Amino acid sequence: MAGGTHSRPSLPDWILECYDCLRQQLCEQFEDAASRPVGIERPAAIELLLTTTDVTLEPDDAEYAIDRLLNRGYLYEVESELRLTEPDEQCACETSSPG
């Protein structure tokens, strides 16, 4: 997580770009969710990564990126829904930019 204070092991830049894409989508939902957990279904997350990131991905690449983000604690999964581990912290940079 670029600029974060967590001591998570580093990930390749392309996976962090995938994380930023998913985080942005989930943070938009979080702001409207009145503090209930929000998530994105795994197939929708894969489609989002394939269509909106600047990284050229194959479906297996998107699956790999999601798995790495889950393994490193950036995301967690409930059934097939991906959620941010700490949405309050992870979405703070979305809401703290001057506007």
C-alpha atoms as a PDB file:
ATOM      1  CA  MET A   1       0.000   0.000   0.000  1.00  0.00           C
ATOM      2  CA  ALA A   2       1.752   3.098  -1.204  1.00  0.00           C
ATOM      3  CA  GLY A   3       2.268   5.610   1.576  1.00  0.00           C
ATOM      4  CA  GLY A   4       0.728   3.308   4.195  1.00  0.00           C
ATOM      5  CA  THR A   5       2.120   2.830   7.668  1.00  0.00           C
ATOM      6  CA  HIS A   6       1.575  -0.926   7.772  1.00  0.00           C
ATOM      7  CA  SER A   7       4.545  -3.259   7.712  1.00  0.00           C
ATOM      8  CA  ARG A   8       3.162  -5.660   5.129  1.00  0.00           C
ATOM      9  CA  PRO A   9       5.660  -7.432   2.886  1.00  0.00           C
ATOM     10  CA  SER A  10       6.104  -5.649  -0.397  1.00  0.00           C
ATOM     11  CA  LEU A  11       4.265  -6.723  -3.518  1.00  0.00           C
ATOM     12  CA  PRO A  12       5.119  -6.104  -7.168  1.00  0.00           C
ATOM     13  CA  ASP A  13       3.955  -2.736  -8.506  1.00  0.00           C
ATOM     14  CA  TRP A  14       1.442  -4.310 -10.884  1.00  0.00           C
ATOM     15  CA  ILE A  15      -0.303  -6.065  -7.978  1.00  0.00           C
ATOM     16  CA  LEU A  16      -0.355  -2.823  -5.990  1.00  0.00           C
ATOM     17  CA  GLU A  17      -1.965  -1.154  -9.025  1.00  0.00           C
ATOM     18  CA  CYS A  18      -4.623  -3.866  -8.954  1.00  0.00           C
ATOM     19  CA  TYR A  19      -5.113  -3.201  -5.244  1.00  0.00           C
ATOM     20  CA  ASP A  20      -5.506   0.529  -5.848  1.00  0.00           C
ATOM     21  CA  CYS A  21      -8.160  -0.189  -8.469  1.00  0.00           C
ATOM     22  CA  LEU A  22     -10.112  -2.468  -6.119  1.00  0.00           C
ATOM     23  CA  ARG A  23      -9.614  -0.146  -3.147  1.00  0.00           C
ATOM     24  CA  GLN A  24     -11.000   2.806  -5.086  1.00  0.00           C
ATOM     25  CA  GLN A  25     -14.105   0.828  -6.062  1.00  0.00           C
ATOM     26  CA  LEU A  26     -14.648  -0.451  -2.522  1.00  0.00           C
ATOM     27  CA  CYS A  27     -14.036   2.950  -0.922  1.00  0.00           C
ATOM     28  CA  GLU A  28     -16.719   4.507  -3.120  1.00  0.00           C
ATOM     29  CA  GLN A  29     -19.134   1.874  -1.813  1.00  0.00           C
ATOM     30  CA  PHE A  30     -17.890   2.282   1.771  1.00  0.00           C
ATOM     31  CA  GLU A  31     -18.713   5.995   1.812  1.00  0.00           C
ATOM     32  CA  ASP A  32     -22.338   5.190   0.949  1.00  0.00           C
ATOM     33  CA  ALA A  33     -22.675   2.111   3.155  1.00  0.00           C
ATOM     34  CA  ALA A  34     -23.283   3.658   6.589  1.00  0.00           C
ATOM     35  CA  SER A  35     -20.447   1.622   8.148  1.00  0.00           C
ATOM     36  CA  ARG A  36     -21.673  -1.816   7.126  1.00  0.00           C
ATOM     37  CA  PRO A  37     -19.159  -4.075   5.359  1.00  0.00           C
ATOM     38  CA  VAL A  38     -19.030  -3.594   1.624  1.00  0.00           C
ATOM     39  CA  GLY A  39     -17.483  -5.859  -0.919  1.00  0.00           C
ATOM     40  CA  ILE A  40     -17.228  -6.902  -4.493  1.00  0.00           C
ATOM     41  CA  GLU A  41     -17.889 -10.375  -5.808  1.00  0.00           C
ATOM     42  CA  ARG A  42     -14.728 -12.089  -7.056  1.00  0.00           C
ATOM     43  CA  PRO A  43     -15.944 -12.357 -10.696  1.00  0.00           C
ATOM     44  CA  ALA A  44     -16.815  -8.644 -10.705  1.00  0.00           C
ATOM     45  CA  ALA A  45     -13.403  -7.824  -9.197  1.00  0.00           C
ATOM     46  CA  ILE A  46     -11.668  -9.801 -11.927  1.00  0.00           C
ATOM     47  CA  GLU A  47     -13.684  -8.018 -14.606  1.00  0.00           C
ATOM     48  CA  LEU A  48     -12.892  -4.655 -13.011  1.00  0.00           C
ATOM     49  CA  LEU A  49      -9.174  -5.416 -13.045  1.00  0.00           C
ATOM     50  CA  LEU A  50      -9.285  -6.611 -16.649  1.00  0.00           C
ATOM     51  CA  THR A  51     -11.096  -3.503 -17.884  1.00  0.00           C
ATOM     52  CA  THR A  52      -9.933  -0.570 -15.759  1.00  0.00           C
ATOM     53  CA  THR A  53      -6.299  -1.000 -14.732  1.00  0.00           C
ATOM     54  CA  ASP A  54      -3.415   0.414 -16.711  1.00  0.00           C
ATOM     55  CA  VAL A  55      -1.792  -3.007 -16.443  1.00  0.00           C
ATOM     56  CA  THR A  56      -2.485  -5.482 -19.244  1.00  0.00           C
ATOM     57  CA  LEU A  57      -3.845  -8.568 -17.522  1.00  0.00           C
ATOM     58  CA  GLU A  58      -5.122 -11.985 -18.442  1.00  0.00           C
ATOM     59  CA  PRO A  59      -7.871 -13.478 -16.240  1.00  0.00           C
ATOM     60  CA  ASP A  60      -5.318 -15.715 -14.504  1.00  0.00           C
ATOM     61  CA  ASP A  61      -3.200 -12.634 -13.723  1.00  0.00           C
ATOM     62  CA  ALA A  62      -6.176 -10.941 -12.086  1.00  0.00           C
ATOM     63  CA  GLU A  63      -6.894 -14.089 -10.039  1.00  0.00           C
ATOM     64  CA  TYR A  64      -3.237 -14.235  -8.981  1.00  0.00           C
ATOM     65  CA  ALA A  65      -3.245 -10.570  -7.930  1.00  0.00           C
ATOM     66  CA  ILE A  66      -6.396 -11.069  -5.862  1.00  0.00           C
ATOM     67  CA  ASP A  67      -4.933 -14.168  -4.219  1.00  0.00           C
ATOM     68  CA  ARG A  68      -1.728 -12.306  -3.328  1.00  0.00           C
ATOM     69  CA  LEU A  69      -3.739  -9.394  -1.877  1.00  0.00           C
ATOM     70  CA  LEU A  70      -5.737 -11.853   0.214  1.00  0.00           C
ATOM     71  CA  ASN A  71      -2.609 -13.673   1.384  1.00  0.00           C
ATOM     72  CA  ARG A  72      -0.892 -10.431   2.398  1.00  0.00           C
ATOM     73  CA  GLY A  73      -3.892  -9.068   4.308  1.00  0.00           C
ATOM     74  CA  TYR A  74      -4.886  -6.210   2.005  1.00  0.00           C
ATOM     75  CA  LEU A  75      -8.250  -7.896   1.414  1.00  0.00           C
ATOM     76  CA  TYR A  76     -10.309 -10.608   3.049  1.00  0.00           C
ATOM     77  CA  GLU A  77     -13.005 -12.798   1.550  1.00  0.00           C
ATOM     78  CA  VAL A  78     -16.461 -13.716   2.818  1.00  0.00           C
ATOM     79  CA  GLU A  79     -17.949 -16.412   0.635  1.00  0.00           C
ATOM     80  CA  SER A  80     -16.975 -15.011  -2.798  1.00  0.00           C
ATOM     81  CA  GLU A  81     -17.099 -11.345  -1.759  1.00  0.00           C
ATOM     82  CA  LEU A  82     -13.830  -9.418  -1.413  1.00  0.00           C
ATOM     83  CA  ARG A  83     -13.642  -6.756   1.296  1.00  0.00           C
ATOM     84  CA  LEU A  84     -11.051  -4.260   2.495  1.00  0.00           C
ATOM     85  CA  THR A  85      -9.310  -5.404   5.668  1.00  0.00           C
ATOM     86  CA  GLU A  86      -9.387  -1.945   7.290  1.00  0.00           C
ATOM     87  CA  PRO A  87     -11.757   0.250   5.282  1.00  0.00           C
ATOM     88  CA  ASP A  88     -11.540   3.165   7.729  1.00  0.00           C
ATOM     89  CA  GLU A  89      -7.788   3.421   7.170  1.00  0.00           C
ATOM     90  CA  GLN A  90      -7.689   2.302   3.550  1.00  0.00           C
ATOM     91  CA  CYS A  91     -10.356   4.761   2.460  1.00  0.00           C
ATOM     92  CA  ALA A  92      -9.002   7.670   4.502  1.00  0.00           C
ATOM     93  CA  CYS A  93      -6.811   8.888   1.646  1.00  0.00           C
ATOM     94  CA  GLU A  94      -9.882   8.942  -0.606  1.00  0.00           C
ATOM     95  CA  THR A  95     -11.768  11.294   1.678  1.00  0.00           C
ATOM     96  CA  SER A  96      -8.867  13.413   2.946  1.00  0.00           C
ATOM     97  CA  SER A  97      -7.844  14.943  -0.366  1.00  0.00           C
ATOM     98  CA  PRO A  98      -8.641  18.642  -0.689  1.00  0.00           C
ATOM     99  CA  GLY A  99     -11.744  19.311  -2.695  1.00  0.00           C
END
